[in-house]
């Protein structure tokens, strides 16, 4: 492989595995079920594919150049993360009350199960992330040599990022599922839910405040 592509792959891998909203949603949904967690990871990769197409088409540059549009994406993304985090916190609170009052095991809400909800949550979490177009626009041009057609190489680099996400996030879901016997213990699961919900709300609040996350 071209040394430049190897360097880019290493940098992109570091960005993909960095904990954030995507990672938090995958971990939380993987606790619901392996299927839901893997679907969430695939949804995140699909969201990155949207950003890839925008970057190749040049629309990401417009988004970053027009503050009003960028702010709109921030508000939509932040609002969705706050909504998602609030739902997780409410579910954790209900489970805590149920455990205290009825001494029953922790169960996830039935509506949260299945591939489609996970796919949707993963896609929206990433597609509404305003940091993604900034990432593509700031990183990709550095790996396009002068004099070479920008579009084909940009597409290749973008697809590398999507491929990395398609490997990493389902792998995280599988790892969480493998540790599920311990992570799904009522007390541990409530702690994980509470922490992940709080993280999502915090990340959403940062976006709503207009501060880079």
N, C-alpha and C. Protein backbone atom coordinates (compact mmCIF):
# COMPACT_ATOMS: atom_id res chain seq x y z
N UNK A 1 0.85 -1.20 0.00
CA UNK A 1 0.00 0.00 0.00
C UNK A 1 0.88 1.24 0.00
N UNK A 2 0.39 2.28 -0.64
CA UNK A 2 1.10 3.56 -0.67
C UNK A 2 1.37 4.03 0.77
N UNK A 3 2.62 4.44 1.07
CA UNK A 3 2.94 4.90 2.43
C UNK A 3 2.02 6.03 2.89
N UNK A 4 1.62 6.88 1.95
CA UNK A 4 0.74 7.98 2.31
C UNK A 4 -0.64 7.46 2.74
N UNK A 5 -1.11 6.41 2.06
CA UNK A 5 -2.38 5.81 2.45
C UNK A 5 -2.27 5.12 3.81
N UNK A 6 -1.12 4.50 4.07
CA UNK A 6 -0.90 3.88 5.37
C UNK A 6 -0.92 4.93 6.48
N UNK A 7 -0.29 6.06 6.23
CA UNK A 7 -0.28 7.14 7.22
C UNK A 7 -1.69 7.65 7.46
N UNK A 8 -2.43 7.86 6.38
CA UNK A 8 -3.80 8.34 6.52
C UNK A 8 -4.65 7.34 7.28
N UNK A 9 -4.47 6.05 6.97
CA UNK A 9 -5.26 5.02 7.65
C UNK A 9 -4.99 5.03 9.15
N UNK A 10 -3.73 5.23 9.54
CA UNK A 10 -3.40 5.30 10.96
C UNK A 10 -4.04 6.50 11.63
N UNK A 11 -3.98 7.65 10.97
CA UNK A 11 -4.59 8.86 11.53
C UNK A 11 -6.10 8.69 11.63
N UNK A 12 -6.70 8.19 10.55
CA UNK A 12 -8.15 8.01 10.54
C UNK A 12 -8.60 7.00 11.59
N UNK A 13 -7.81 5.93 11.77
CA UNK A 13 -8.16 4.94 12.78
C UNK A 13 -8.16 5.55 14.17
N UNK A 14 -7.20 6.43 14.44
CA UNK A 14 -7.16 7.11 15.73
C UNK A 14 -8.39 7.97 15.96
N UNK A 15 -8.85 8.62 14.89
CA UNK A 15 -10.04 9.46 15.00
C UNK A 15 -11.29 8.61 15.20
N UNK A 16 -11.36 7.47 14.51
CA UNK A 16 -12.56 6.63 14.60
C UNK A 16 -12.71 6.01 15.98
N UNK A 17 -11.61 5.55 16.56
CA UNK A 17 -11.69 4.84 17.85
C UNK A 17 -11.78 5.81 19.03
N UNK A 18 -11.59 7.09 18.79
CA UNK A 18 -11.67 8.07 19.88
C UNK A 18 -13.08 8.07 20.48
N UNK A 19 -13.21 7.86 21.80
CA UNK A 19 -14.54 7.82 22.42
C UNK A 19 -15.32 9.11 22.21
N UNK A 20 -16.57 8.97 21.91
CA UNK A 20 -17.45 10.12 21.69
C UNK A 20 -18.88 9.63 21.67
N UNK A 21 -19.75 10.41 21.03
CA UNK A 21 -21.16 10.06 20.98
C UNK A 21 -21.39 8.73 20.28
N UNK A 22 -20.68 8.49 19.16
CA UNK A 22 -20.84 7.23 18.42
C UNK A 22 -20.52 6.03 19.32
N UNK A 23 -19.37 6.10 19.98
CA UNK A 23 -18.94 5.02 20.86
C UNK A 23 -19.95 4.78 21.98
N UNK A 24 -20.43 5.87 22.57
CA UNK A 24 -21.36 5.77 23.69
C UNK A 24 -22.66 5.09 23.26
N UNK A 25 -23.19 5.48 22.10
CA UNK A 25 -24.44 4.89 21.63
C UNK A 25 -24.27 3.41 21.33
N UNK A 26 -23.13 3.03 20.74
CA UNK A 26 -22.89 1.62 20.44
C UNK A 26 -22.83 0.80 21.72
N UNK A 27 -22.09 1.28 22.71
CA UNK A 27 -21.98 0.54 23.97
C UNK A 27 -23.34 0.39 24.63
N UNK A 28 -24.08 1.46 24.68
CA UNK A 28 -25.39 1.41 25.33
C UNK A 28 -26.32 0.44 24.60
N UNK A 29 -26.36 0.50 23.28
CA UNK A 29 -27.26 -0.37 22.52
C UNK A 29 -26.79 -1.82 22.51
N UNK A 30 -25.48 -2.04 22.61
CA UNK A 30 -24.98 -3.41 22.66
C UNK A 30 -25.41 -4.08 23.95
N UNK A 31 -25.66 -3.30 25.00
CA UNK A 31 -26.18 -3.87 26.24
C UNK A 31 -27.62 -4.32 26.08
N UNK A 32 -28.35 -3.70 25.14
CA UNK A 32 -29.71 -4.14 24.86
C UNK A 32 -29.67 -5.51 24.20
N UNK A 33 -28.86 -5.64 23.15
CA UNK A 33 -28.66 -6.92 22.49
C UNK A 33 -27.50 -6.79 21.52
N UNK A 34 -26.90 -7.91 21.19
CA UNK A 34 -25.79 -7.90 20.23
C UNK A 34 -26.27 -7.38 18.87
N UNK A 35 -27.46 -7.81 18.48
CA UNK A 35 -28.01 -7.39 17.19
C UNK A 35 -28.19 -5.88 17.13
N UNK A 36 -28.73 -5.31 18.20
CA UNK A 36 -28.95 -3.86 18.24
C UNK A 36 -27.62 -3.11 18.22
N UNK A 37 -26.63 -3.61 18.96
CA UNK A 37 -25.33 -2.95 18.98
C UNK A 37 -24.63 -2.97 17.64
N UNK A 38 -24.65 -4.13 16.98
CA UNK A 38 -24.01 -4.22 15.66
C UNK A 38 -24.73 -3.34 14.66
N UNK A 39 -26.07 -3.33 14.71
CA UNK A 39 -26.84 -2.47 13.80
C UNK A 39 -26.51 -1.00 14.04
N UNK A 40 -26.29 -0.63 15.29
CA UNK A 40 -25.91 0.75 15.60
C UNK A 40 -24.57 1.09 14.96
N UNK A 41 -23.60 0.17 15.04
CA UNK A 41 -22.30 0.39 14.41
C UNK A 41 -22.42 0.55 12.90
N UNK A 42 -23.27 -0.27 12.28
CA UNK A 42 -23.49 -0.16 10.84
C UNK A 42 -24.16 1.17 10.50
N UNK A 43 -25.08 1.60 11.36
CA UNK A 43 -25.73 2.89 11.15
C UNK A 43 -24.75 4.04 11.20
N UNK A 44 -23.78 3.96 12.11
CA UNK A 44 -22.74 4.99 12.20
C UNK A 44 -21.92 5.03 10.92
N UNK A 45 -21.57 3.85 10.39
CA UNK A 45 -20.83 3.79 9.13
C UNK A 45 -21.65 4.40 7.99
N UNK A 46 -22.95 4.16 8.00
CA UNK A 46 -23.82 4.75 6.98
C UNK A 46 -23.86 6.27 7.11
N UNK A 47 -23.85 6.76 8.35
CA UNK A 47 -23.79 8.21 8.56
C UNK A 47 -22.50 8.79 8.01
N UNK A 48 -21.39 8.09 8.23
CA UNK A 48 -20.11 8.53 7.67
C UNK A 48 -20.14 8.51 6.15
N UNK A 49 -20.87 7.58 5.58
CA UNK A 49 -20.99 7.51 4.12
C UNK A 49 -21.68 8.76 3.59
N UNK A 50 -22.66 9.27 4.34
CA UNK A 50 -23.31 10.53 3.95
C UNK A 50 -22.29 11.67 3.92
N UNK A 51 -21.49 11.76 4.98
CA UNK A 51 -20.47 12.81 5.03
C UNK A 51 -19.44 12.62 3.91
N UNK A 52 -19.17 11.36 3.57
CA UNK A 52 -18.24 11.08 2.47
C UNK A 52 -18.78 11.65 1.16
N UNK A 53 -20.04 11.39 0.89
CA UNK A 53 -20.63 11.88 -0.35
C UNK A 53 -20.67 13.41 -0.37
N UNK A 54 -20.95 14.01 0.78
CA UNK A 54 -20.96 15.48 0.86
C UNK A 54 -19.57 16.05 0.60
N UNK A 55 -18.56 15.40 1.17
CA UNK A 55 -17.19 15.89 0.99
C UNK A 55 -16.76 15.78 -0.47
N UNK A 56 -17.07 14.64 -1.09
CA UNK A 56 -16.70 14.45 -2.49
C UNK A 56 -17.44 15.43 -3.39
N UNK A 57 -18.70 15.70 -3.07
CA UNK A 57 -19.49 16.62 -3.88
C UNK A 57 -19.15 18.08 -3.59
N UNK A 58 -18.38 18.33 -2.55
CA UNK A 58 -18.03 19.71 -2.22
C UNK A 58 -19.05 20.40 -1.34
N UNK A 59 -20.12 19.68 -0.96
CA UNK A 59 -21.16 20.32 -0.16
C UNK A 59 -20.70 20.55 1.28
N UNK A 60 -19.78 19.72 1.74
CA UNK A 60 -19.27 19.90 3.11
C UNK A 60 -18.57 21.25 3.24
N UNK A 61 -17.89 21.68 2.16
CA UNK A 61 -17.22 22.98 2.20
C UNK A 61 -18.25 24.10 2.35
N UNK A 62 -19.39 23.95 1.68
CA UNK A 62 -20.45 24.95 1.79
C UNK A 62 -20.99 24.98 3.21
N UNK A 63 -21.18 23.79 3.79
CA UNK A 63 -21.70 23.70 5.15
C UNK A 63 -20.79 24.42 6.13
N UNK A 64 -19.48 24.20 6.00
CA UNK A 64 -18.53 24.83 6.91
C UNK A 64 -18.40 26.32 6.64
N UNK A 65 -18.54 26.71 5.37
CA UNK A 65 -18.35 28.12 5.01
C UNK A 65 -19.55 28.99 5.38
N UNK A 66 -20.73 28.38 5.52
CA UNK A 66 -21.94 29.14 5.86
C UNK A 66 -22.27 28.90 7.32
N UNK A 67 -21.98 29.86 8.19
CA UNK A 67 -22.17 29.66 9.63
C UNK A 67 -23.60 29.26 10.00
N UNK A 68 -24.60 29.82 9.32
CA UNK A 68 -25.99 29.52 9.68
C UNK A 68 -26.30 28.05 9.45
N UNK A 69 -25.83 27.49 8.34
CA UNK A 69 -26.07 26.08 8.05
C UNK A 69 -25.33 25.19 9.04
N UNK A 70 -24.09 25.56 9.33
CA UNK A 70 -23.31 24.79 10.28
C UNK A 70 -23.96 24.82 11.65
N UNK A 71 -24.47 25.99 12.05
CA UNK A 71 -25.13 26.12 13.35
C UNK A 71 -26.41 25.29 13.40
N UNK A 72 -27.12 25.23 12.27
CA UNK A 72 -28.34 24.43 12.22
C UNK A 72 -28.03 22.95 12.46
N UNK A 73 -26.95 22.47 11.83
CA UNK A 73 -26.56 21.07 12.04
C UNK A 73 -26.15 20.86 13.49
N UNK A 74 -25.47 21.83 14.08
CA UNK A 74 -25.09 21.73 15.49
C UNK A 74 -26.32 21.59 16.38
N UNK A 75 -27.33 22.42 16.12
CA UNK A 75 -28.54 22.41 16.95
C UNK A 75 -29.28 21.09 16.78
N UNK A 76 -29.41 20.63 15.53
CA UNK A 76 -30.10 19.36 15.29
C UNK A 76 -29.35 18.20 15.95
N UNK A 77 -28.04 18.18 15.75
CA UNK A 77 -27.24 17.11 16.35
C UNK A 77 -27.24 17.15 17.85
N UNK A 78 -27.07 18.36 18.42
CA UNK A 78 -27.08 18.50 19.87
C UNK A 78 -28.43 18.14 20.47
N UNK A 79 -29.49 18.58 19.81
CA UNK A 79 -30.83 18.27 20.30
C UNK A 79 -31.11 16.77 20.29
N UNK A 80 -30.64 16.10 19.25
CA UNK A 80 -30.87 14.65 19.17
C UNK A 80 -30.09 13.91 20.25
N UNK A 81 -28.85 14.33 20.51
CA UNK A 81 -28.05 13.68 21.55
C UNK A 81 -28.67 13.91 22.93
N UNK A 82 -29.16 15.12 23.19
CA UNK A 82 -29.81 15.39 24.48
C UNK A 82 -31.06 14.53 24.63
N UNK A 83 -31.84 14.43 23.55
CA UNK A 83 -33.05 13.60 23.56
C UNK A 83 -32.70 12.14 23.83
N UNK A 84 -31.69 11.64 23.13
CA UNK A 84 -31.28 10.25 23.28
C UNK A 84 -30.76 10.00 24.70
N UNK A 85 -29.92 10.92 25.19
CA UNK A 85 -29.37 10.77 26.54
C UNK A 85 -30.44 10.83 27.61
N UNK A 86 -31.42 11.73 27.41
CA UNK A 86 -32.50 11.85 28.38
C UNK A 86 -33.32 10.57 28.45
N UNK A 87 -33.55 9.95 27.29
CA UNK A 87 -34.28 8.68 27.27
C UNK A 87 -33.52 7.60 28.02
N UNK A 88 -32.21 7.56 27.84
CA UNK A 88 -31.39 6.57 28.54
C UNK A 88 -31.44 6.81 30.05
N UNK A 89 -31.33 8.06 30.48
CA UNK A 89 -31.37 8.38 31.91
C UNK A 89 -32.74 8.04 32.51
N UNK A 90 -33.80 8.33 31.76
CA UNK A 90 -35.15 8.00 32.26
C UNK A 90 -35.32 6.49 32.39
N UNK A 91 -34.79 5.75 31.41
CA UNK A 91 -34.88 4.28 31.48
C UNK A 91 -34.11 3.76 32.68
N UNK A 92 -32.92 4.34 32.93
CA UNK A 92 -32.13 3.91 34.08
C UNK A 92 -32.85 4.22 35.38
N UNK A 93 -33.51 5.39 35.44
CA UNK A 93 -34.25 5.76 36.65
C UNK A 93 -35.43 4.81 36.88
N UNK A 94 -36.13 4.45 35.80
CA UNK A 94 -37.25 3.52 35.94
C UNK A 94 -36.77 2.16 36.42
N UNK A 95 -35.64 1.70 35.88
CA UNK A 95 -35.11 0.41 36.29
C UNK A 95 -34.66 0.43 37.75
N UNK A 96 -34.13 1.58 38.17
CA UNK A 96 -33.69 1.70 39.56
C UNK A 96 -34.90 1.61 40.51
N UNK A 97 -35.98 2.32 40.14
CA UNK A 97 -37.19 2.26 40.97
C UNK A 97 -37.78 0.86 40.98
N UNK A 98 -37.76 0.22 39.80
CA UNK A 98 -38.30 -1.13 39.70
C UNK A 98 -37.50 -2.10 40.57
N UNK A 99 -36.17 -1.95 40.56
CA UNK A 99 -35.33 -2.85 41.35
C UNK A 99 -35.58 -2.65 42.84
N UNK A 100 -35.79 -1.41 43.26
CA UNK A 100 -36.02 -1.11 44.67
C UNK A 100 -37.39 -1.58 45.11
N UNK A 101 -38.41 -1.32 44.27
CA UNK A 101 -39.78 -1.61 44.68
C UNK A 101 -40.15 -3.08 44.51
N UNK A 102 -39.70 -3.68 43.42
CA UNK A 102 -40.16 -5.03 43.10
C UNK A 102 -39.06 -6.08 43.17
N UNK A 103 -37.79 -5.63 43.29
CA UNK A 103 -36.66 -6.54 43.31
C UNK A 103 -36.64 -7.46 42.09
N UNK A 104 -36.91 -6.87 40.90
CA UNK A 104 -36.91 -7.64 39.66
C UNK A 104 -35.65 -7.33 38.89
N UNK A 105 -35.20 -8.26 38.02
CA UNK A 105 -33.99 -8.03 37.23
C UNK A 105 -34.17 -6.88 36.26
N UNK A 106 -33.05 -6.35 35.81
CA UNK A 106 -33.06 -5.25 34.85
C UNK A 106 -33.48 -5.75 33.47
N UNK A 107 -34.42 -5.08 32.87
CA UNK A 107 -34.81 -5.41 31.50
C UNK A 107 -34.83 -4.13 30.69
N UNK A 108 -34.40 -4.22 29.43
CA UNK A 108 -34.43 -3.06 28.54
C UNK A 108 -35.84 -2.87 28.00
N UNK A 109 -36.23 -1.63 27.67
CA UNK A 109 -37.54 -1.40 27.07
C UNK A 109 -37.65 -2.19 25.76
N UNK A 110 -38.82 -2.79 25.52
CA UNK A 110 -39.01 -3.60 24.33
C UNK A 110 -38.81 -2.78 23.06
N UNK A 111 -39.18 -1.50 23.09
CA UNK A 111 -39.08 -0.67 21.90
C UNK A 111 -37.63 -0.41 21.50
N UNK A 112 -36.69 -0.63 22.43
CA UNK A 112 -35.29 -0.36 22.12
C UNK A 112 -34.62 -1.52 21.40
N UNK A 113 -35.31 -2.70 21.38
CA UNK A 113 -34.68 -3.88 20.83
C UNK A 113 -34.84 -3.90 19.31
N UNK A 114 -33.96 -4.68 18.65
CA UNK A 114 -34.08 -4.87 17.22
C UNK A 114 -33.03 -4.10 16.45
N UNK A 115 -32.85 -4.52 15.19
CA UNK A 115 -31.81 -3.91 14.36
C UNK A 115 -32.20 -2.52 13.89
N UNK A 116 -33.47 -2.33 13.55
CA UNK A 116 -33.88 -1.05 12.96
C UNK A 116 -33.69 0.13 13.90
N UNK A 117 -34.14 0.04 15.18
CA UNK A 117 -33.89 1.18 16.09
C UNK A 117 -32.40 1.48 16.26
N UNK A 118 -31.59 0.42 16.35
CA UNK A 118 -30.15 0.63 16.49
C UNK A 118 -29.56 1.27 15.25
N UNK A 119 -29.98 0.79 14.08
CA UNK A 119 -29.49 1.36 12.82
C UNK A 119 -29.86 2.83 12.72
N UNK A 120 -31.08 3.16 13.09
CA UNK A 120 -31.55 4.55 13.02
C UNK A 120 -30.78 5.43 14.00
N UNK A 121 -30.60 4.97 15.22
CA UNK A 121 -29.89 5.78 16.21
C UNK A 121 -28.43 6.00 15.81
N UNK A 122 -27.78 4.93 15.33
CA UNK A 122 -26.39 5.09 14.89
C UNK A 122 -26.26 6.05 13.74
N UNK A 123 -27.17 5.93 12.76
CA UNK A 123 -27.12 6.81 11.59
C UNK A 123 -27.32 8.27 11.97
N UNK A 124 -28.37 8.54 12.75
CA UNK A 124 -28.67 9.93 13.12
C UNK A 124 -27.58 10.52 14.01
N UNK A 125 -27.05 9.72 14.92
CA UNK A 125 -25.99 10.23 15.81
C UNK A 125 -24.79 10.71 15.00
N UNK A 126 -24.41 9.97 13.96
CA UNK A 126 -23.26 10.36 13.16
C UNK A 126 -23.61 11.38 12.09
N UNK A 127 -24.74 11.19 11.40
CA UNK A 127 -25.10 12.09 10.30
C UNK A 127 -25.33 13.51 10.79
N UNK A 128 -25.79 13.66 12.04
CA UNK A 128 -26.05 14.99 12.58
C UNK A 128 -24.87 15.53 13.39
N UNK A 129 -23.72 14.86 13.26
CA UNK A 129 -22.52 15.32 13.97
C UNK A 129 -21.81 16.39 13.13
N UNK A 130 -21.79 17.65 13.57
CA UNK A 130 -21.17 18.71 12.77
C UNK A 130 -19.65 18.63 12.71
N UNK A 131 -19.04 17.77 13.56
CA UNK A 131 -17.59 17.65 13.51
C UNK A 131 -17.13 16.84 12.30
N UNK A 132 -18.03 16.01 11.76
CA UNK A 132 -17.64 15.13 10.66
C UNK A 132 -17.22 15.90 9.40
N UNK A 133 -18.01 16.88 8.93
CA UNK A 133 -17.55 17.62 7.75
C UNK A 133 -16.26 18.39 8.00
N UNK A 134 -16.09 18.88 9.21
CA UNK A 134 -14.84 19.57 9.55
C UNK A 134 -13.67 18.60 9.47
N UNK A 135 -13.89 17.39 9.97
CA UNK A 135 -12.85 16.35 9.91
C UNK A 135 -12.45 16.07 8.47
N UNK A 136 -13.43 15.84 7.61
CA UNK A 136 -13.13 15.51 6.23
C UNK A 136 -12.43 16.67 5.52
N UNK A 137 -12.90 17.89 5.75
CA UNK A 137 -12.33 19.04 5.04
C UNK A 137 -10.94 19.42 5.55
N UNK A 138 -10.68 19.16 6.82
CA UNK A 138 -9.37 19.54 7.37
C UNK A 138 -8.31 18.47 7.13
N UNK A 139 -8.73 17.20 7.09
CA UNK A 139 -7.76 16.11 6.99
C UNK A 139 -7.53 15.64 5.56
N UNK A 140 -8.59 15.45 4.79
CA UNK A 140 -8.44 14.85 3.46
C UNK A 140 -7.52 15.63 2.52
N UNK A 141 -7.64 16.97 2.45
CA UNK A 141 -6.77 17.70 1.50
C UNK A 141 -5.28 17.53 1.79
N UNK A 142 -4.93 17.23 3.03
CA UNK A 142 -3.51 17.07 3.36
C UNK A 142 -2.91 15.81 2.73
N UNK A 143 -3.76 14.89 2.28
CA UNK A 143 -3.28 13.64 1.71
C UNK A 143 -3.57 13.56 0.20
N UNK A 144 -3.89 14.69 -0.39
CA UNK A 144 -4.09 14.76 -1.84
C UNK A 144 -2.89 15.50 -2.43
N UNK A 145 -1.96 14.79 -3.09
CA UNK A 145 -0.77 15.44 -3.64
C UNK A 145 -1.12 16.49 -4.68
N UNK A 146 -0.37 17.58 -4.73
CA UNK A 146 -0.61 18.61 -5.75
C UNK A 146 -0.50 18.03 -7.16
N UNK A 147 -1.39 18.45 -8.02
CA UNK A 147 -1.34 18.01 -9.40
C UNK A 147 -2.15 16.77 -9.69
N UNK A 148 -2.61 16.07 -8.64
CA UNK A 148 -3.44 14.88 -8.85
C UNK A 148 -4.92 15.24 -8.76
N UNK A 149 -5.77 14.54 -9.53
CA UNK A 149 -7.22 14.80 -9.44
C UNK A 149 -7.70 14.58 -8.01
N UNK A 150 -8.36 15.57 -7.46
CA UNK A 150 -8.75 15.51 -6.05
C UNK A 150 -9.90 14.56 -5.80
N UNK A 151 -10.89 14.51 -6.67
CA UNK A 151 -12.10 13.75 -6.39
C UNK A 151 -11.86 12.25 -6.22
N UNK A 152 -11.15 11.57 -7.15
CA UNK A 152 -10.98 10.11 -6.96
C UNK A 152 -10.24 9.76 -5.67
N UNK A 153 -9.17 10.49 -5.36
CA UNK A 153 -8.39 10.19 -4.16
C UNK A 153 -9.18 10.54 -2.90
N UNK A 154 -9.92 11.64 -2.96
CA UNK A 154 -10.76 12.00 -1.81
C UNK A 154 -11.79 10.92 -1.54
N UNK A 155 -12.35 10.36 -2.59
CA UNK A 155 -13.33 9.28 -2.43
C UNK A 155 -12.68 8.06 -1.78
N UNK A 156 -11.49 7.71 -2.22
CA UNK A 156 -10.78 6.55 -1.66
C UNK A 156 -10.50 6.78 -0.17
N UNK A 157 -10.00 7.96 0.16
CA UNK A 157 -9.67 8.27 1.56
C UNK A 157 -10.93 8.24 2.42
N UNK A 158 -12.02 8.78 1.89
CA UNK A 158 -13.28 8.81 2.65
C UNK A 158 -13.80 7.41 2.89
N UNK A 159 -13.68 6.55 1.88
CA UNK A 159 -14.16 5.18 2.03
C UNK A 159 -13.30 4.39 3.02
N UNK A 160 -12.04 4.77 3.15
CA UNK A 160 -11.20 4.14 4.17
C UNK A 160 -11.76 4.42 5.56
N UNK A 161 -12.19 5.67 5.78
CA UNK A 161 -12.78 6.04 7.07
C UNK A 161 -14.05 5.24 7.32
N UNK A 162 -14.89 5.12 6.30
CA UNK A 162 -16.13 4.35 6.44
C UNK A 162 -15.82 2.89 6.75
N UNK A 163 -14.83 2.32 6.06
CA UNK A 163 -14.45 0.92 6.30
C UNK A 163 -13.94 0.71 7.71
N UNK A 164 -13.15 1.65 8.21
CA UNK A 164 -12.65 1.55 9.58
C UNK A 164 -13.80 1.56 10.59
N UNK A 165 -14.76 2.44 10.36
CA UNK A 165 -15.92 2.50 11.25
C UNK A 165 -16.74 1.23 11.17
N UNK A 166 -16.83 0.67 9.97
CA UNK A 166 -17.61 -0.55 9.77
C UNK A 166 -16.99 -1.74 10.47
N UNK A 167 -15.68 -1.67 10.71
CA UNK A 167 -14.99 -2.73 11.45
C UNK A 167 -15.01 -2.45 12.96
N UNK A 168 -14.69 -1.21 13.33
CA UNK A 168 -14.49 -0.87 14.74
C UNK A 168 -15.77 -0.94 15.56
N UNK A 169 -16.83 -0.27 15.12
CA UNK A 169 -18.01 -0.17 15.98
C UNK A 169 -18.75 -1.50 16.15
N UNK A 170 -18.92 -2.32 15.09
CA UNK A 170 -19.47 -3.66 15.36
C UNK A 170 -18.57 -4.50 16.26
N UNK A 171 -17.25 -4.30 16.15
CA UNK A 171 -16.33 -5.03 17.04
C UNK A 171 -16.54 -4.61 18.49
N UNK A 172 -16.76 -3.32 18.72
CA UNK A 172 -17.07 -2.84 20.07
C UNK A 172 -18.35 -3.48 20.58
N UNK A 173 -19.36 -3.54 19.70
CA UNK A 173 -20.63 -4.15 20.09
C UNK A 173 -20.45 -5.61 20.46
N UNK A 174 -19.64 -6.34 19.69
CA UNK A 174 -19.39 -7.75 19.98
C UNK A 174 -18.65 -7.92 21.31
N UNK A 175 -17.69 -7.02 21.58
CA UNK A 175 -16.95 -7.09 22.84
C UNK A 175 -17.87 -6.83 24.03
N UNK A 176 -18.71 -5.81 23.90
CA UNK A 176 -19.66 -5.51 24.98
C UNK A 176 -20.59 -6.69 25.19
N UNK A 177 -21.06 -7.28 24.08
CA UNK A 177 -21.95 -8.44 24.21
C UNK A 177 -21.23 -9.61 24.86
N UNK A 178 -19.95 -9.80 24.53
CA UNK A 178 -19.17 -10.89 25.14
C UNK A 178 -19.05 -10.69 26.66
N UNK A 179 -18.94 -9.42 27.06
CA UNK A 179 -18.86 -9.11 28.49
C UNK A 179 -20.25 -8.92 29.11
N UNK A 180 -21.28 -9.25 28.32
CA UNK A 180 -22.65 -8.96 28.73
C UNK A 180 -23.07 -9.58 30.03
N UNK A 181 -22.58 -10.79 30.33
CA UNK A 181 -22.99 -11.44 31.57
C UNK A 181 -22.66 -10.58 32.78
N UNK A 182 -21.53 -9.87 32.71
CA UNK A 182 -21.14 -8.98 33.81
C UNK A 182 -21.77 -7.61 33.66
N UNK A 183 -21.76 -7.07 32.42
CA UNK A 183 -22.27 -5.72 32.19
C UNK A 183 -23.77 -5.62 32.37
N UNK A 184 -24.49 -6.76 32.20
CA UNK A 184 -25.94 -6.71 32.31
C UNK A 184 -26.43 -7.00 33.73
N UNK A 185 -25.52 -7.16 34.66
CA UNK A 185 -25.96 -7.25 36.05
C UNK A 185 -26.71 -5.97 36.40
N UNK A 186 -27.80 -6.08 37.15
CA UNK A 186 -28.65 -4.91 37.38
C UNK A 186 -27.90 -3.66 37.83
N UNK A 187 -27.03 -3.78 38.81
CA UNK A 187 -26.33 -2.60 39.32
C UNK A 187 -25.37 -2.05 38.27
N UNK A 188 -24.58 -2.93 37.64
CA UNK A 188 -23.61 -2.50 36.63
C UNK A 188 -24.33 -1.89 35.45
N UNK A 189 -25.43 -2.53 34.99
CA UNK A 189 -26.16 -2.02 33.83
C UNK A 189 -26.73 -0.64 34.11
N UNK A 190 -27.23 -0.43 35.32
CA UNK A 190 -27.78 0.90 35.64
C UNK A 190 -26.68 1.95 35.66
N UNK A 191 -25.50 1.58 36.15
CA UNK A 191 -24.38 2.52 36.16
C UNK A 191 -23.97 2.86 34.73
N UNK A 192 -23.87 1.82 33.87
CA UNK A 192 -23.49 2.06 32.47
C UNK A 192 -24.53 2.93 31.79
N UNK A 193 -25.81 2.64 32.02
CA UNK A 193 -26.87 3.45 31.43
C UNK A 193 -26.78 4.90 31.90
N UNK A 194 -26.60 5.08 33.20
CA UNK A 194 -26.54 6.44 33.75
C UNK A 194 -25.36 7.22 33.20
N UNK A 195 -24.19 6.56 33.13
CA UNK A 195 -23.00 7.23 32.62
C UNK A 195 -23.14 7.56 31.14
N UNK A 196 -23.63 6.58 30.35
CA UNK A 196 -23.77 6.81 28.92
C UNK A 196 -24.82 7.87 28.64
N UNK A 197 -25.92 7.85 29.39
CA UNK A 197 -26.94 8.88 29.22
C UNK A 197 -26.41 10.26 29.55
N UNK A 198 -25.67 10.36 30.65
CA UNK A 198 -25.10 11.65 31.05
C UNK A 198 -24.10 12.15 30.00
N UNK A 199 -23.30 11.22 29.43
CA UNK A 199 -22.33 11.61 28.41
C UNK A 199 -23.04 12.13 27.16
N UNK A 200 -24.11 11.47 26.75
CA UNK A 200 -24.85 11.91 25.57
C UNK A 200 -25.47 13.29 25.80
N UNK A 201 -26.05 13.48 26.97
CA UNK A 201 -26.64 14.79 27.28
C UNK A 201 -25.56 15.87 27.29
N UNK A 202 -24.39 15.56 27.89
CA UNK A 202 -23.30 16.52 27.96
C UNK A 202 -22.78 16.87 26.56
N UNK A 203 -22.59 15.86 25.72
CA UNK A 203 -22.12 16.10 24.36
C UNK A 203 -23.14 16.93 23.58
N UNK A 204 -24.42 16.60 23.78
CA UNK A 204 -25.46 17.37 23.10
C UNK A 204 -25.49 18.82 23.58
N UNK A 205 -25.32 19.01 24.88
CA UNK A 205 -25.32 20.37 25.43
C UNK A 205 -24.15 21.19 24.88
N UNK A 206 -23.00 20.55 24.70
CA UNK A 206 -21.85 21.23 24.13
C UNK A 206 -22.17 21.71 22.71
N UNK A 207 -22.80 20.84 21.92
CA UNK A 207 -23.17 21.23 20.55
C UNK A 207 -24.20 22.35 20.56
N UNK A 208 -25.18 22.25 21.44
CA UNK A 208 -26.21 23.28 21.51
C UNK A 208 -25.62 24.63 21.93
N UNK A 209 -24.56 24.57 22.76
CA UNK A 209 -23.91 25.80 23.19
C UNK A 209 -23.02 26.39 22.11
N UNK A 210 -22.80 25.62 21.05
CA UNK A 210 -21.97 26.10 19.96
C UNK A 210 -20.49 26.00 20.22
N UNK A 211 -20.10 25.14 21.18
CA UNK A 211 -18.69 24.95 21.52
C UNK A 211 -18.18 23.69 20.87
N UNK A 212 -17.01 23.68 20.23
CA UNK A 212 -16.51 22.46 19.62
C UNK A 212 -16.35 21.35 20.65
N UNK A 213 -16.89 20.14 20.31
CA UNK A 213 -16.82 19.03 21.25
C UNK A 213 -15.50 18.29 21.12
